[in-house]
């Protein structure tokens, strides 16, 4: 079940409880729902942060590899140009 579905279910429960007369049990239940919402929100934020970190790390690694390959190709081209010039001259 996805996070937004859980939020919708808890919101419906909360709205249903708001229409009932309050007593101690309802307050405890609302507090429990609020705690569950906070925990789910924190877990969702942590999950998003981890995914973002992994995506940025992969991008950094790909960029580093591309930079190394590009540098190696430049060095190879310079070597070939120098060897061609040495043969010509």
Protein backbone atom coordinates (compact mmCIF):
# COMPACT_ATOMS: atom_id res chain seq x y z
CA UNK A 1 0.00 0.00 0.00
CA UNK A 2 1.39 3.38 -0.90
CA UNK A 3 1.88 6.22 1.54
CA UNK A 4 -0.83 8.48 0.13
CA UNK A 5 -3.44 5.69 0.51
CA UNK A 6 -2.57 5.39 4.20
CA UNK A 7 -2.91 9.14 4.59
CA UNK A 8 -6.34 9.07 2.97
CA UNK A 9 -7.53 6.25 5.21
CA UNK A 10 -6.31 8.03 8.33
CA UNK A 11 -7.90 11.27 7.15
CA UNK A 12 -11.27 9.54 6.70
CA UNK A 13 -10.98 7.99 10.17
CA UNK A 14 -10.07 11.38 11.61
CA UNK A 15 -13.05 13.05 9.95
CA UNK A 16 -15.39 10.33 11.20
CA UNK A 17 -14.09 10.79 14.73
CA UNK A 18 -14.54 14.55 14.55
CA UNK A 19 -18.27 14.03 14.09
CA UNK A 20 -18.55 11.93 17.24
CA UNK A 21 -18.70 13.30 20.77
CA UNK A 22 -15.21 13.28 22.24
CA UNK A 23 -14.08 11.33 25.23
CA UNK A 24 -10.73 10.03 26.40
CA UNK A 25 -10.67 7.05 24.01
CA UNK A 26 -11.13 9.29 20.97
CA UNK A 27 -8.34 11.59 22.11
CA UNK A 28 -6.01 8.63 22.54
CA UNK A 29 -6.99 7.27 19.14
CA UNK A 30 -6.42 10.67 17.49
CA UNK A 31 -3.05 10.93 19.20
CA UNK A 32 -2.17 7.46 17.93
CA UNK A 33 -3.22 8.42 14.39
CA UNK A 34 -1.15 11.57 14.62
CA UNK A 35 1.88 9.59 15.77
CA UNK A 36 1.41 7.13 12.92
CA UNK A 37 1.18 10.01 10.43
CA UNK A 38 4.36 11.58 11.81
CA UNK A 39 6.24 8.28 11.66
CA UNK A 40 5.09 7.62 8.10
CA UNK A 41 6.03 11.15 7.09
CA UNK A 42 9.51 10.82 8.62
CA UNK A 43 10.03 7.44 6.95
CA UNK A 44 8.88 8.85 3.62
CA UNK A 45 11.26 11.81 3.94
CA UNK A 46 14.14 9.50 4.86
CA UNK A 47 13.32 7.26 1.89
CA UNK A 48 13.25 10.28 -0.46
CA UNK A 49 16.56 11.53 0.93
CA UNK A 50 18.20 8.11 0.45
CA UNK A 51 16.87 7.81 -3.11
CA UNK A 52 18.03 11.35 -3.93
CA UNK A 53 21.45 10.63 -2.45
CA UNK A 54 21.77 7.42 -4.50
CA UNK A 55 20.71 9.17 -7.71
CA UNK A 56 23.19 11.99 -7.14
CA UNK A 57 25.96 9.51 -6.28
CA UNK A 58 25.32 7.53 -9.47
CA UNK A 59 25.33 10.77 -11.51
CA UNK A 60 28.63 11.76 -9.90
CA UNK A 61 30.16 8.38 -10.72
CA UNK A 62 28.95 8.53 -14.32
CA UNK A 63 30.30 12.05 -14.69
CA UNK A 64 33.65 10.97 -13.22
CA UNK A 65 33.88 8.01 -15.62
CA UNK A 66 32.95 10.20 -18.60
CA UNK A 67 35.61 12.71 -17.59
CA UNK A 68 38.24 9.98 -17.33
CA UNK A 69 37.28 8.46 -20.68
CA UNK A 70 37.29 11.89 -22.29
CA UNK A 71 40.74 12.67 -20.87
CA UNK A 72 42.05 9.30 -22.03
CA UNK A 73 40.66 9.91 -25.53
CA UNK A 74 42.29 13.33 -25.64
CA UNK A 75 45.64 11.84 -24.62
CA UNK A 76 45.25 9.10 -27.22
CA UNK A 77 44.45 11.66 -29.93
CA UNK A 78 47.45 13.78 -28.96
CA UNK A 79 49.65 10.69 -29.09
CA UNK A 80 48.38 9.75 -32.57
CA UNK A 81 48.75 13.31 -33.85
CA UNK A 82 52.32 13.47 -32.53
CA UNK A 83 53.20 10.11 -34.08
CA UNK A 84 51.72 11.21 -37.45
CA UNK A 85 53.68 14.47 -37.28
CA UNK A 86 56.86 12.57 -36.41
CA UNK A 87 56.42 10.36 -39.48
CA UNK A 88 55.70 13.35 -41.74
CA UNK A 89 58.54 15.49 -40.42
